[in-house]
Amino acid sequence: MKIKNSGYILFMILLLCRFRECFSVSYRNLDTFLKNITGGQNINLRPVLDHKSKVYIYMFFHLIYIQEFNEVKGKLTFTGYFNVSWVDQTLSWNSTENGIEQFTLQEHLIWKPSFVLGNPYDGVKLIYKDENVIRVQSNGVVTWTTGDNYEVFCNADVSRYPFDTQICKLEILPWGYTNDEIVVVPIFDFVVQEWYNPQKTWDLIGSSVTKREDLQLLTFTMSLKRNPMFFVLNLILPICVMIILNIFVFLLPPESGERVGYAVTVLLAIAVFLTISFDNLPATSSPRISSISLLLFADVCISGIIVVMVIVSLKLYHQEDRYPVSTFMRGFVNVSRRLRCQVCCCMRKGEKYNEKENEEEIKWTDVGKEIDLVCGISIIVVICIVNALYIIDVIVGLPVFD
């Protein structure tokens, strides 16, 4: 019984070895096969048996990494590769005869379609370098994977910077072929992100693929959302702090002699941040100027008005008493005091503000103090309105400045 089993096992081993020898492919056999199958290839002719037939090109794009998006130049740089496949009717064979299912070869040995970027940043650029390999299967399916660092033009819309979302496109179209010769078919309706490495500044929040039939143009659209925290901490918050500091100039005593210098210093600091903002934004007003630029410009204007208010207030405060207070200034002081008393609920029941009794006591120092009070309140209201409009436009998304 044991002898019979041992003989059976030995027979199976010999059979498997013989089967492997029959279907093993040596280097010499494979070399001969490749020479025979590619020897008569004309890479200038489309791989169809009937010249009037179309070659269907199936394609998708795989995004790997977004290197940089330069809003000022309008240039998007990223790394990725195209997976292109088609059927070569001149390269099919019976794999059961020689045991060869598929093989790879240099891309310049057989026909391949030519594609060019439709929106290159600098010059016309083909999507391959003649350095890649092509995989050919026994049924004639050819798969060509070509990758590179691509630079495309992307017109940035920084109207809501730094809370903006950019829509950039990668356009690709056949080069030198008509619609009767090849047909480009997108495999997926999105950009493949299986091996995508997230970028620190931009988040890829969506993608799509569309086709223009008359040009066989494929458009890979990518939606990029900026991570705004860095710009909030280094640009927006300092601006808010400085504009708040502007208000405290009216609390400085006029006798200190530092009010004008304080106001001018804050004005110059805001102007510096305005310059920093302009360096990071494209010099264009299309579709509109950035909201942060409008906010900075408004803050500069407010700071300039504050400087003028401080100068006028100090001029009136230090006016000599030998010059009488004009009737207009007396009326201004009385109206300001009356409104202040009403707002603060300082008037007692049955007691009224006596304008005639206070008219003789009004001095130039009183005029300066009332101007400080009125200007300070007015500036606070204006700052609140400007910042509220910015928040509504940028964060809420309502087109206030459109």
Protein backbone atom coordinates (compact mmCIF):
# COMPACT_ATOMS: atom_id res chain seq x y z
CA MET A 1 0.00 0.00 0.00
CA LYS A 2 2.82 2.36 0.90
CA ILE A 3 4.68 1.44 -2.30
CA LYS A 4 1.60 2.30 -4.40
CA ASN A 5 1.15 5.67 -2.67
CA SER A 6 4.82 6.52 -3.11
CA GLY A 7 4.62 5.70 -6.79
CA TYR A 8 1.54 7.90 -7.18
CA ILE A 9 3.24 10.82 -5.49
CA LEU A 10 6.35 10.40 -7.64
CA PHE A 11 4.21 10.33 -10.77
CA MET A 12 2.46 13.59 -9.80
CA ILE A 13 5.78 15.32 -9.10
CA LEU A 14 7.16 14.31 -12.50
CA LEU A 15 3.94 15.47 -14.17
CA LEU A 16 4.10 18.89 -12.50
CA CYS A 17 7.76 19.32 -13.44
CA ARG A 18 6.95 18.40 -17.04
CA PHE A 19 4.02 20.85 -17.05
CA ARG A 20 6.26 23.64 -15.75
CA GLU A 21 8.92 22.93 -18.37
CA CYS A 22 6.31 23.10 -21.11
CA PHE A 23 5.00 26.52 -20.02
CA SER A 24 8.16 28.14 -18.72
CA VAL A 25 9.50 31.02 -20.83
CA SER A 26 13.24 31.39 -21.13
CA TYR A 27 15.00 34.67 -21.75
CA ARG A 28 15.96 33.59 -25.26
CA ASN A 29 12.41 32.59 -26.14
CA LEU A 30 11.00 35.84 -24.81
CA ASP A 31 13.63 37.87 -26.66
CA THR A 32 12.78 36.10 -29.89
CA PHE A 33 9.08 36.62 -29.29
CA LEU A 34 9.49 40.37 -28.71
CA LYS A 35 11.60 40.77 -31.84
CA ASN A 36 9.05 38.93 -33.91
CA ILE A 37 6.03 40.81 -32.57
CA THR A 38 7.58 44.29 -32.70
CA GLY A 39 9.89 43.87 -35.67
CA GLY A 40 7.36 44.87 -38.30
CA GLN A 41 5.75 47.68 -36.27
CA ASN A 42 5.40 51.11 -37.86
CA ILE A 43 5.00 53.54 -34.98
CA ASN A 44 3.61 56.19 -37.32
CA LEU A 45 0.47 54.16 -38.10
CA ARG A 46 -2.47 53.77 -35.75
CA PRO A 47 -2.76 50.17 -34.45
CA VAL A 48 -5.95 49.22 -36.30
CA LEU A 49 -6.48 46.65 -39.04
CA ASP A 50 -8.93 48.94 -40.82
CA HIS A 51 -7.49 52.42 -41.30
CA LYS A 52 -10.97 53.95 -41.12
CA SER A 53 -11.54 52.54 -37.64
CA LYS A 54 -11.15 54.69 -34.55
CA VAL A 55 -8.78 54.05 -31.66
CA TYR A 56 -10.50 54.44 -28.31
CA ILE A 57 -8.17 55.88 -25.68
CA TYR A 58 -9.18 55.31 -22.04
CA MET A 59 -7.59 57.62 -19.52
CA PHE A 60 -7.60 58.79 -15.90
CA PHE A 61 -5.34 61.09 -13.90
CA HIS A 62 -3.84 60.25 -10.50
CA LEU A 63 -2.86 63.21 -8.33
CA ILE A 64 0.04 62.58 -5.97
CA TYR A 65 1.03 65.94 -4.47
CA ILE A 66 0.34 69.65 -4.88
CA GLN A 67 3.72 71.35 -4.71
CA GLU A 68 2.76 75.00 -4.91
CA PHE A 69 0.01 77.36 -5.89
CA ASN A 70 1.35 80.83 -6.65
CA GLU A 71 -1.62 83.18 -6.60
CA VAL A 72 0.46 86.15 -7.78
CA LYS A 73 1.72 84.36 -10.91
CA GLY A 74 -1.39 82.22 -11.34
CA LYS A 75 0.69 79.03 -11.48
CA LEU A 76 -0.29 75.65 -10.04
CA THR A 77 2.50 73.07 -9.73
CA PHE A 78 1.68 69.47 -8.86
CA THR A 79 2.91 65.91 -9.30
CA GLY A 80 0.83 63.13 -10.82
CA TYR A 81 0.57 60.60 -13.59
CA PHE A 82 -1.77 59.64 -16.40
CA ASN A 83 -2.95 56.09 -16.93
CA VAL A 84 -3.64 55.66 -20.65
CA SER A 85 -4.85 52.43 -22.25
CA TRP A 86 -6.01 51.34 -25.68
CA VAL A 87 -6.29 48.18 -27.82
CA ASP A 88 -3.47 47.52 -30.29
CA GLN A 89 -4.97 45.18 -32.87
CA THR A 90 -1.52 44.35 -34.28
CA LEU A 91 -0.05 43.06 -31.00
CA SER A 92 -2.50 40.35 -29.88
CA TRP A 93 -1.40 36.68 -29.62
CA ASN A 94 -2.48 33.34 -28.17
CA SER A 95 -0.95 33.09 -24.72
CA THR A 96 -1.71 29.36 -24.42
CA GLU A 97 0.80 28.56 -27.14
CA ASN A 98 3.83 30.18 -25.55
CA GLY A 99 2.80 30.89 -21.96
CA ILE A 100 3.37 34.66 -22.35
CA GLU A 101 0.47 36.60 -20.83
CA GLN A 102 2.01 40.09 -20.91
CA PHE A 103 5.31 41.92 -21.17
CA THR A 104 6.77 45.41 -20.93
CA LEU A 105 8.80 47.37 -23.45
CA GLN A 106 10.02 50.90 -24.08
CA GLU A 107 7.33 53.27 -25.23
CA HIS A 108 9.15 54.33 -28.40
CA LEU A 109 8.97 50.79 -29.86
CA ILE A 110 5.24 50.84 -30.62
CA TRP A 111 2.58 53.39 -31.50
CA LYS A 112 1.22 55.57 -28.73
CA PRO A 113 -1.05 58.63 -28.81
CA SER A 114 0.36 62.12 -28.38
CA PHE A 115 -1.24 64.39 -25.78
CA VAL A 116 -0.49 67.99 -24.92
CA LEU A 117 -1.47 70.19 -21.98
CA GLY A 118 -4.29 72.54 -22.89
CA ASN A 119 -3.47 75.18 -20.25
CA PRO A 120 0.31 75.07 -19.72
CA TYR A 121 1.90 77.85 -17.71
CA ASP A 122 4.97 78.19 -19.90
CA GLY A 123 4.93 76.90 -23.47
CA VAL A 124 3.41 73.86 -25.13
CA LYS A 125 4.27 70.65 -23.29
CA LEU A 126 3.68 67.00 -24.17
CA ILE A 127 2.82 64.65 -21.32
CA TYR A 128 5.64 62.14 -21.85
CA LYS A 129 9.44 62.04 -22.10
CA ASP A 130 10.14 58.78 -24.01
CA GLU A 131 11.50 57.31 -20.79
CA ASN A 132 8.52 55.27 -19.61
CA VAL A 133 7.59 51.65 -20.23
CA ILE A 134 4.43 50.25 -21.76
CA ARG A 135 2.71 47.06 -20.65
CA VAL A 136 1.18 44.92 -23.41
CA GLN A 137 -1.28 42.09 -22.73
CA SER A 138 -2.03 39.10 -24.93
CA ASN A 139 -5.46 40.46 -25.90
CA GLY A 140 -3.82 43.60 -27.32
CA VAL A 141 -4.61 45.93 -24.41
CA VAL A 142 -1.77 48.42 -24.00
CA THR A 143 -1.34 50.33 -20.74
CA TRP A 144 0.85 53.39 -20.66
CA THR A 145 1.58 55.16 -17.37
CA THR A 146 3.36 58.49 -17.66
CA GLY A 147 4.02 60.91 -14.82
CA ASP A 148 5.76 64.23 -14.32
CA ASN A 149 5.66 67.55 -12.48
CA TYR A 150 3.08 69.66 -14.25
CA GLU A 151 2.72 73.44 -14.28
CA VAL A 152 -0.63 74.79 -15.41
CA PHE A 153 -2.16 78.22 -15.50
CA CYS A 154 -4.81 78.88 -12.86
CA ASN A 155 -6.31 82.34 -12.51
CA ALA A 156 -6.69 82.90 -8.77
CA ASP A 157 -9.79 84.49 -7.29
CA VAL A 158 -8.56 86.06 -4.04
CA SER A 159 -11.63 88.17 -3.38
CA ARG A 160 -12.19 86.34 -0.09
CA TYR A 161 -8.54 85.80 0.82
CA PRO A 162 -7.52 84.05 3.10
CA PHE A 163 -10.86 82.20 3.31
CA ASP A 164 -10.86 81.54 -0.43
CA THR A 165 -11.49 78.44 -2.48
CA GLN A 166 -9.70 78.12 -5.82
CA ILE A 167 -10.90 76.08 -8.79
CA CYS A 168 -7.99 74.99 -10.98
CA LYS A 169 -8.10 72.90 -14.13
CA LEU A 170 -5.79 70.50 -15.90
CA GLU A 171 -6.67 70.34 -19.59
CA ILE A 172 -5.33 67.66 -21.92
CA LEU A 173 -6.10 67.01 -25.57
CA PRO A 174 -4.76 64.82 -28.39
CA TRP A 175 -2.03 66.34 -30.53
CA GLY A 176 -2.22 65.80 -34.27
CA TYR A 177 -5.28 63.55 -34.46
CA THR A 178 -8.85 64.17 -35.58
CA ASN A 179 -12.12 62.93 -34.14
CA ASP A 180 -12.26 60.31 -36.90
CA GLU A 181 -8.95 58.80 -35.80
CA ILE A 182 -9.04 58.61 -32.00
CA VAL A 183 -11.69 59.00 -29.30
CA VAL A 184 -10.67 59.90 -25.75
CA VAL A 185 -12.82 58.33 -23.02
CA PRO A 186 -12.41 59.27 -19.33
CA ILE A 187 -12.49 56.20 -17.09
CA PHE A 188 -13.57 58.07 -13.95
CA ASP A 189 -15.49 61.29 -13.46
CA PHE A 190 -13.08 62.44 -10.74
CA VAL A 191 -9.35 62.79 -10.11
CA VAL A 192 -7.94 59.65 -8.50
CA GLN A 193 -6.45 60.34 -5.05
CA GLU A 194 -5.46 56.88 -3.86
CA TRP A 195 -1.84 57.89 -3.21
CA TYR A 196 -2.45 61.59 -2.70
CA ASN A 197 -0.30 63.32 -0.06
CA PRO A 198 -2.16 66.25 1.54
CA GLN A 199 -0.70 69.70 1.18
CA LYS A 200 -0.24 71.92 4.26
CA THR A 201 -1.61 75.12 2.76
CA TRP A 202 -4.35 73.76 0.48
CA ASP A 203 -7.00 71.08 1.01
CA LEU A 204 -8.34 69.22 -2.01
CA ILE A 205 -12.08 69.28 -1.33
CA GLY A 206 -13.41 68.04 -4.66
CA SER A 207 -12.66 67.10 -8.26
CA SER A 208 -14.44 66.33 -11.50
CA VAL A 209 -13.71 65.35 -15.10
CA THR A 210 -15.50 66.73 -18.14
CA LYS A 211 -15.02 66.24 -21.88
CA ARG A 212 -15.39 68.56 -24.84
CA GLU A 213 -16.41 66.37 -27.76
CA ASP A 214 -15.33 68.56 -30.67
CA LEU A 215 -11.71 68.75 -29.46
CA GLN A 216 -11.55 65.49 -27.48
CA LEU A 217 -10.48 67.76 -24.63
CA LEU A 218 -10.47 66.33 -21.11
CA THR A 219 -10.67 68.81 -18.23
CA PHE A 220 -9.67 67.65 -14.76
CA THR A 221 -11.08 70.17 -12.29
CA MET A 222 -9.73 70.42 -8.75
CA SER A 223 -11.24 72.51 -5.94
CA LEU A 224 -8.65 73.76 -3.47
CA LYS A 225 -9.56 75.34 -0.14
CA ARG A 226 -6.94 77.34 1.72
CA ASN A 227 -6.09 76.63 5.35
CA PRO A 228 -6.54 80.15 6.78
CA MET A 229 -5.27 79.77 10.36
CA PHE A 230 -1.72 80.94 9.60
CA PHE A 231 -2.99 84.08 7.88
CA VAL A 232 -5.55 84.72 10.61
CA LEU A 233 -2.87 84.67 13.31
CA ASN A 234 -0.25 86.62 11.35
CA LEU A 235 -2.33 89.10 9.37
CA ILE A 236 -5.96 89.53 10.37
CA LEU A 237 -5.63 89.48 14.17
CA PRO A 238 -2.72 91.97 14.23
CA ILE A 239 -4.77 94.28 12.02
CA CYS A 240 -7.72 94.03 14.41
CA VAL A 241 -5.46 94.72 17.41
CA MET A 242 -3.94 97.80 15.76
CA ILE A 243 -7.29 99.26 14.74
CA ILE A 244 -8.51 98.78 18.32
CA LEU A 245 -5.38 100.49 19.62
CA ASN A 246 -6.25 103.40 17.35
CA ILE A 247 -9.31 104.15 19.46
CA PHE A 248 -7.32 104.60 22.68
CA VAL A 249 -5.63 107.69 21.29
CA PHE A 250 -8.65 109.70 22.46
CA LEU A 251 -8.07 108.50 26.02
CA LEU A 252 -4.55 109.93 26.20
CA PRO A 253 -4.43 113.25 28.11
CA PRO A 254 -3.85 116.19 25.76
CA GLU A 255 -1.09 117.40 28.08
CA SER A 256 0.97 114.25 27.47
CA GLY A 257 2.16 115.43 24.05
CA GLU A 258 2.11 111.86 22.65
CA ARG A 259 -1.23 111.74 20.96
CA VAL A 260 -0.16 112.69 17.42
CA GLY A 261 2.90 110.45 17.58
CA TYR A 262 0.78 107.54 18.81
CA ALA A 263 -1.79 107.97 16.03
CA VAL A 264 0.87 108.27 13.31
CA THR A 265 2.69 105.16 14.59
CA VAL A 266 -0.45 103.05 14.36
CA LEU A 267 -1.13 104.46 10.89
CA LEU A 268 2.33 103.44 9.68
CA ALA A 269 1.97 99.95 11.19
CA ILE A 270 -1.28 99.39 9.30
CA ALA A 271 0.38 100.66 6.12
CA VAL A 272 3.12 98.04 6.58
CA PHE A 273 0.53 95.26 6.82
CA LEU A 274 -1.14 96.68 3.72
CA THR A 275 2.16 96.29 1.85
CA ILE A 276 2.54 92.71 3.10
CA SER A 277 -0.95 91.88 1.89
CA PHE A 278 -0.28 93.33 -1.58
CA ASP A 279 2.88 91.23 -1.94
CA ASN A 280 0.85 88.02 -1.52
CA LEU A 281 -2.01 88.95 -3.84
CA PRO A 282 -2.15 89.22 -7.65
CA ALA A 283 -2.15 92.75 -9.04
CA THR A 284 -5.62 92.49 -10.53
CA SER A 285 -9.12 93.67 -9.76
CA SER A 286 -10.85 90.82 -11.60
CA PRO A 287 -13.31 89.53 -10.59
CA ARG A 288 -12.86 92.06 -7.78
CA ILE A 289 -10.35 93.39 -5.26
CA SER A 290 -9.66 91.21 -2.24
CA SER A 291 -11.79 91.84 0.85
CA ILE A 292 -8.71 91.93 3.06
CA SER A 293 -7.25 94.69 0.86
CA LEU A 294 -10.45 96.69 1.16
CA LEU A 295 -10.39 96.16 4.93
CA LEU A 296 -6.79 97.34 5.17
CA PHE A 297 -7.51 100.34 2.96
CA ALA A 298 -10.48 101.23 5.15
CA ASP A 299 -8.30 100.90 8.26
CA VAL A 300 -5.68 103.18 6.71
CA CYS A 301 -8.35 105.77 5.91
CA ILE A 302 -9.76 105.53 9.43
CA SER A 303 -6.28 105.93 10.92
CA GLY A 304 -5.66 108.95 8.71
CA ILE A 305 -8.95 110.51 9.83
CA ILE A 306 -8.01 109.81 13.45
CA VAL A 307 -4.73 111.67 12.98
CA VAL A 308 -6.63 114.68 11.60
CA MET A 309 -9.16 114.50 14.46
CA VAL A 310 -6.39 114.40 17.06
CA ILE A 311 -4.66 117.39 15.53
CA VAL A 312 -7.89 119.42 15.42
CA SER A 313 -8.77 118.39 18.98
CA LEU A 314 -5.36 119.42 20.32
CA LYS A 315 -5.54 122.70 18.42
CA LEU A 316 -8.86 123.59 20.04
CA TYR A 317 -7.84 122.24 23.46
CA HIS A 318 -4.76 124.46 23.63
CA GLN A 319 -6.52 127.50 22.20
CA GLU A 320 -5.84 130.58 24.32
CA ASP A 321 -8.69 131.75 26.55
CA ARG A 322 -8.38 135.32 25.28
CA TYR A 323 -10.14 134.10 22.15
CA PRO A 324 -13.85 133.64 22.94
CA VAL A 325 -15.56 130.36 22.14
CA SER A 326 -17.67 130.77 19.02
CA THR A 327 -21.42 130.27 19.02
CA PHE A 328 -21.11 127.17 16.84
CA MET A 329 -18.69 125.53 19.26
CA ARG A 330 -20.90 126.42 22.24
CA GLY A 331 -23.87 124.82 20.48
CA PHE A 332 -21.77 121.73 19.67
CA VAL A 333 -20.72 121.36 23.32
CA ASN A 334 -24.28 121.83 24.61
CA VAL A 335 -25.72 119.27 22.16
CA SER A 336 -22.99 116.78 23.05
CA ARG A 337 -23.56 117.21 26.78
CA ARG A 338 -27.33 116.96 26.40
CA LEU A 339 -27.10 113.73 24.41
CA ARG A 340 -24.59 112.30 26.84
CA CYS A 341 -26.84 113.02 29.77
CA GLN A 342 -29.83 111.44 28.06
CA VAL A 343 -27.92 108.32 27.06
CA CYS A 344 -26.35 107.88 30.47
CA CYS A 345 -29.63 108.60 32.24
CA CYS A 346 -27.93 111.27 34.36
CA MET A 347 -30.87 113.62 34.45
CA ARG A 348 -32.97 113.31 37.54
CA LYS A 349 -36.74 113.35 37.46
CA GLY A 350 -37.99 116.89 36.97
CA GLU A 351 -34.47 118.24 36.36
CA LYS A 352 -33.47 119.57 33.00
CA TYR A 353 -30.19 120.47 31.42
CA ASN A 354 -29.79 124.27 31.80
CA GLU A 355 -28.06 125.41 28.64
CA LYS A 356 -27.85 129.08 29.68
CA GLU A 357 -26.16 128.34 33.00
CA ASN A 358 -23.52 126.13 31.33
CA GLU A 359 -22.97 128.40 28.35
CA GLU A 360 -20.79 130.83 30.35
CA GLU A 361 -18.63 128.02 31.73
CA ILE A 362 -17.67 126.59 28.34
CA LYS A 363 -13.97 126.94 27.57
CA TRP A 364 -11.72 125.76 24.76
CA THR A 365 -10.61 122.82 26.89
CA ASP A 366 -14.26 121.74 27.12
CA VAL A 367 -14.54 121.97 23.34
CA GLY A 368 -11.47 119.75 22.92
CA LYS A 369 -12.81 117.15 25.37
CA GLU A 370 -16.20 116.99 23.69
CA ILE A 371 -14.56 116.62 20.28
CA ASP A 372 -12.51 113.72 21.64
CA LEU A 373 -15.62 112.06 22.98
CA VAL A 374 -17.66 112.49 19.80
CA CYS A 375 -14.78 111.43 17.54
CA GLY A 376 -14.03 108.39 19.69
CA ILE A 377 -17.63 107.17 19.59
CA SER A 378 -17.92 107.85 15.86
CA ILE A 379 -14.72 105.94 15.12
CA ILE A 380 -15.90 102.97 17.20
CA VAL A 381 -19.16 102.84 15.23
CA VAL A 382 -17.35 103.07 11.88
CA ILE A 383 -14.85 100.34 12.85
CA CYS A 384 -17.66 98.02 13.94
CA ILE A 385 -19.52 98.57 10.67
CA VAL A 386 -16.42 97.99 8.51
CA ASN A 387 -15.44 94.79 10.32
CA ALA A 388 -19.01 93.52 10.31
CA LEU A 389 -19.17 93.98 6.53
CA TYR A 390 -15.89 92.10 6.16
CA ILE A 391 -17.12 89.20 8.28
CA ILE A 392 -20.40 89.02 6.35
CA ASP A 393 -18.60 89.08 3.00
CA VAL A 394 -15.79 86.64 3.77
CA ILE A 395 -16.99 84.23 6.43
CA VAL A 396 -20.75 84.20 5.90
CA GLY A 397 -20.29 84.39 2.13
CA LEU A 398 -22.75 87.15 1.26
CA PRO A 399 -21.39 89.31 -1.60
CA VAL A 400 -21.27 92.63 0.26
CA PHE A 401 -18.45 94.17 -1.82
CA ASP A 402 -19.53 92.69 -5.19
